[in-house]
Amino acid sequence: MIVLSYLGLLALIPLLLEKDKEEVQWHAKNGVCLLGAEMVLIAGIWIVNMVLGSGFLGCLWALVQLVIFLGLIGLHVYLIVKSVGGSRIKLPIVSDFAERF
């Protein structure tokens, strides 16, 4: 269930089904908040895409997007590996927001 916590919308499964397990709930809340932060980031990227359009700046922006998305995939893999190992990784803004639930 901890692995599902960092796989996008699948984080809702442990959040709703494992209410008695504190560790799973912590990771699920962080996963849901991370998903929200990623949605805001993707909306921002979409807006920048509309402004830049195609051309030289658009091509450079495409490379920046690739680095961002590969970084997000790497972040998810890192969080899954660490959480399965029993660690809690606190993401600066996301974890603070998740603790409010």
C-alpha atoms as a PDB file:
ATOM      1  CA  MET A   1       0.000   0.000   0.000  1.00  0.00           C
ATOM      2  CA  ILE A   2       2.917   2.356   0.621  1.00  0.00           C
ATOM      3  CA  VAL A   3       4.013   1.945  -3.003  1.00  0.00           C
ATOM      4  CA  LEU A   4       0.563   3.021  -4.193  1.00  0.00           C
ATOM      5  CA  SER A   5       0.912   6.187  -2.130  1.00  0.00           C
ATOM      6  CA  TYR A   6       3.309   7.701  -4.649  1.00  0.00           C
ATOM      7  CA  LEU A   7       1.617   6.574  -7.868  1.00  0.00           C
ATOM      8  CA  GLY A   8      -0.664   9.498  -8.631  1.00  0.00           C
ATOM      9  CA  LEU A   9      -4.386   8.916  -8.182  1.00  0.00           C
ATOM     10  CA  LEU A  10      -3.684   5.445  -6.810  1.00  0.00           C
ATOM     11  CA  ALA A  11      -2.710   7.202  -3.572  1.00  0.00           C
ATOM     12  CA  LEU A  12      -6.418   7.445  -2.822  1.00  0.00           C
ATOM     13  CA  ILE A  13      -6.624   3.663  -2.372  1.00  0.00           C
ATOM     14  CA  PRO A  14      -4.403   3.446   0.735  1.00  0.00           C
ATOM     15  CA  LEU A  15      -5.782   6.768   1.975  1.00  0.00           C
ATOM     16  CA  LEU A  16      -9.325   5.388   1.995  1.00  0.00           C
ATOM     17  CA  LEU A  17      -8.690   1.718   2.834  1.00  0.00           C
ATOM     18  CA  GLU A  18      -5.884   1.763   5.417  1.00  0.00           C
ATOM     19  CA  LYS A  19      -7.280   4.207   7.970  1.00  0.00           C
ATOM     20  CA  ASP A  20      -5.855   2.337  10.965  1.00  0.00           C
ATOM     21  CA  LYS A  21      -2.224   2.277   9.783  1.00  0.00           C
ATOM     22  CA  GLU A  22      -0.490   5.546  10.613  1.00  0.00           C
ATOM     23  CA  GLU A  23       2.552   4.947   8.395  1.00  0.00           C
ATOM     24  CA  VAL A  24       0.468   4.189   5.317  1.00  0.00           C
ATOM     25  CA  GLN A  25      -1.771   7.199   5.992  1.00  0.00           C
ATOM     26  CA  TRP A  26       1.257   9.501   6.274  1.00  0.00           C
ATOM     27  CA  HIS A  27       2.638   8.358   2.925  1.00  0.00           C
ATOM     28  CA  ALA A  28      -0.793   8.420   1.256  1.00  0.00           C
ATOM     29  CA  LYS A  29      -1.423  11.999   2.387  1.00  0.00           C
ATOM     30  CA  ASN A  30       1.987  13.040   1.087  1.00  0.00           C
ATOM     31  CA  GLY A  31       1.286  11.249  -2.182  1.00  0.00           C
ATOM     32  CA  VAL A  32      -2.039  13.032  -2.660  1.00  0.00           C
ATOM     33  CA  CYS A  33      -0.483  16.408  -1.860  1.00  0.00           C
ATOM     34  CA  LEU A  34       2.408  15.655  -4.221  1.00  0.00           C
ATOM     35  CA  LEU A  35      -0.140  14.883  -6.935  1.00  0.00           C
ATOM     36  CA  GLY A  36      -1.791  18.255  -6.310  1.00  0.00           C
ATOM     37  CA  ALA A  37       1.546  20.055  -6.507  1.00  0.00           C
ATOM     38  CA  GLU A  38       2.346  18.245  -9.757  1.00  0.00           C
ATOM     39  CA  MET A  39      -1.004  19.279 -11.219  1.00  0.00           C
ATOM     40  CA  VAL A  40      -0.235  22.924 -10.420  1.00  0.00           C
ATOM     41  CA  LEU A  41       3.220  22.509 -11.988  1.00  0.00           C
ATOM     42  CA  ILE A  42       1.750  20.935 -15.121  1.00  0.00           C
ATOM     43  CA  ALA A  43      -0.785  23.767 -15.417  1.00  0.00           C
ATOM     44  CA  GLY A  44       2.080  26.262 -15.186  1.00  0.00           C
ATOM     45  CA  ILE A  45       4.020  24.370 -17.842  1.00  0.00           C
ATOM     46  CA  TRP A  46       0.947  24.368 -20.071  1.00  0.00           C
ATOM     47  CA  ILE A  47       0.603  28.139 -19.719  1.00  0.00           C
ATOM     48  CA  VAL A  48       4.279  28.689 -20.572  1.00  0.00           C
ATOM     49  CA  ASN A  49       3.856  26.398 -23.606  1.00  0.00           C
ATOM     50  CA  MET A  50       1.021  28.594 -24.836  1.00  0.00           C
ATOM     51  CA  VAL A  51       3.093  31.752 -24.407  1.00  0.00           C
ATOM     52  CA  LEU A  52       6.291  30.446 -26.009  1.00  0.00           C
ATOM     53  CA  GLY A  53       4.657  28.454 -28.787  1.00  0.00           C
ATOM     54  CA  SER A  54       7.033  26.986 -31.312  1.00  0.00           C
ATOM     55  CA  GLY A  55      10.364  28.291 -32.454  1.00  0.00           C
ATOM     56  CA  PHE A  56      13.735  28.409 -30.775  1.00  0.00           C
ATOM     57  CA  LEU A  57      12.427  29.280 -27.296  1.00  0.00           C
ATOM     58  CA  GLY A  58       9.782  26.590 -27.630  1.00  0.00           C
ATOM     59  CA  CYS A  59      12.473  23.999 -28.396  1.00  0.00           C
ATOM     60  CA  LEU A  60      14.550  25.065 -25.403  1.00  0.00           C
ATOM     61  CA  TRP A  61      11.449  24.957 -23.232  1.00  0.00           C
ATOM     62  CA  ALA A  62      10.765  21.413 -24.462  1.00  0.00           C
ATOM     63  CA  LEU A  63      14.179  20.368 -23.134  1.00  0.00           C
ATOM     64  CA  VAL A  64      13.433  22.032 -19.798  1.00  0.00           C
ATOM     65  CA  GLN A  65      10.124  20.152 -19.658  1.00  0.00           C
ATOM     66  CA  LEU A  66      11.905  16.871 -20.312  1.00  0.00           C
ATOM     67  CA  VAL A  67      14.280  17.511 -17.416  1.00  0.00           C
ATOM     68  CA  ILE A  68      11.355  18.444 -15.147  1.00  0.00           C
ATOM     69  CA  PHE A  69       9.366  15.322 -15.981  1.00  0.00           C
ATOM     70  CA  LEU A  70      12.386  13.021 -15.648  1.00  0.00           C
ATOM     71  CA  GLY A  71      13.076  14.674 -12.299  1.00  0.00           C
ATOM     72  CA  LEU A  72       9.506  13.989 -11.188  1.00  0.00           C
ATOM     73  CA  ILE A  73       9.798  10.345 -12.191  1.00  0.00           C
ATOM     74  CA  GLY A  74      13.076  10.120 -10.301  1.00  0.00           C
ATOM     75  CA  LEU A  75      11.452  11.754  -7.266  1.00  0.00           C
ATOM     76  CA  HIS A  76       8.640   9.207  -7.300  1.00  0.00           C
ATOM     77  CA  VAL A  77      11.064   6.290  -7.570  1.00  0.00           C
ATOM     78  CA  TYR A  78      13.176   7.726  -4.737  1.00  0.00           C
ATOM     79  CA  LEU A  79      10.140   8.225  -2.505  1.00  0.00           C
ATOM     80  CA  ILE A  80       8.891   4.687  -3.176  1.00  0.00           C
ATOM     81  CA  VAL A  81      12.271   3.122  -2.432  1.00  0.00           C
ATOM     82  CA  LYS A  82      12.776   5.133   0.759  1.00  0.00           C
ATOM     83  CA  SER A  83       9.221   4.610   2.022  1.00  0.00           C
ATOM     84  CA  VAL A  84       9.357   0.848   1.460  1.00  0.00           C
ATOM     85  CA  GLY A  85      12.610   0.899   3.440  1.00  0.00           C
ATOM     86  CA  GLY A  86      10.789   2.521   6.350  1.00  0.00           C
ATOM     87  CA  SER A  87      11.922   6.130   5.936  1.00  0.00           C
ATOM     88  CA  ARG A  88       9.776   9.224   5.841  1.00  0.00           C
ATOM     89  CA  ILE A  89      11.043  11.815   3.390  1.00  0.00           C
ATOM     90  CA  LYS A  90       9.662  15.284   4.102  1.00  0.00           C
ATOM     91  CA  LEU A  91       9.189  17.341   0.977  1.00  0.00           C
ATOM     92  CA  PRO A  92       9.480  21.043   1.866  1.00  0.00           C
ATOM     93  CA  ILE A  93       6.049  22.432   0.986  1.00  0.00           C
ATOM     94  CA  VAL A  94       4.141  19.248   0.205  1.00  0.00           C
ATOM     95  CA  SER A  95       4.708  17.506   3.545  1.00  0.00           C
ATOM     96  CA  ASP A  96       3.842  20.643   5.490  1.00  0.00           C
ATOM     97  CA  PHE A  97       0.553  20.867   3.625  1.00  0.00           C
ATOM     98  CA  ALA A  98      -0.120  17.119   4.074  1.00  0.00           C
ATOM     99  CA  GLU A  99       0.296  17.383   7.855  1.00  0.00           C
ATOM    100  CA  ARG A 100      -2.731  19.689   8.019  1.00  0.00           C
ATOM    101  CA  PHE A 101      -5.077  16.762   7.274  1.00  0.00           C
END
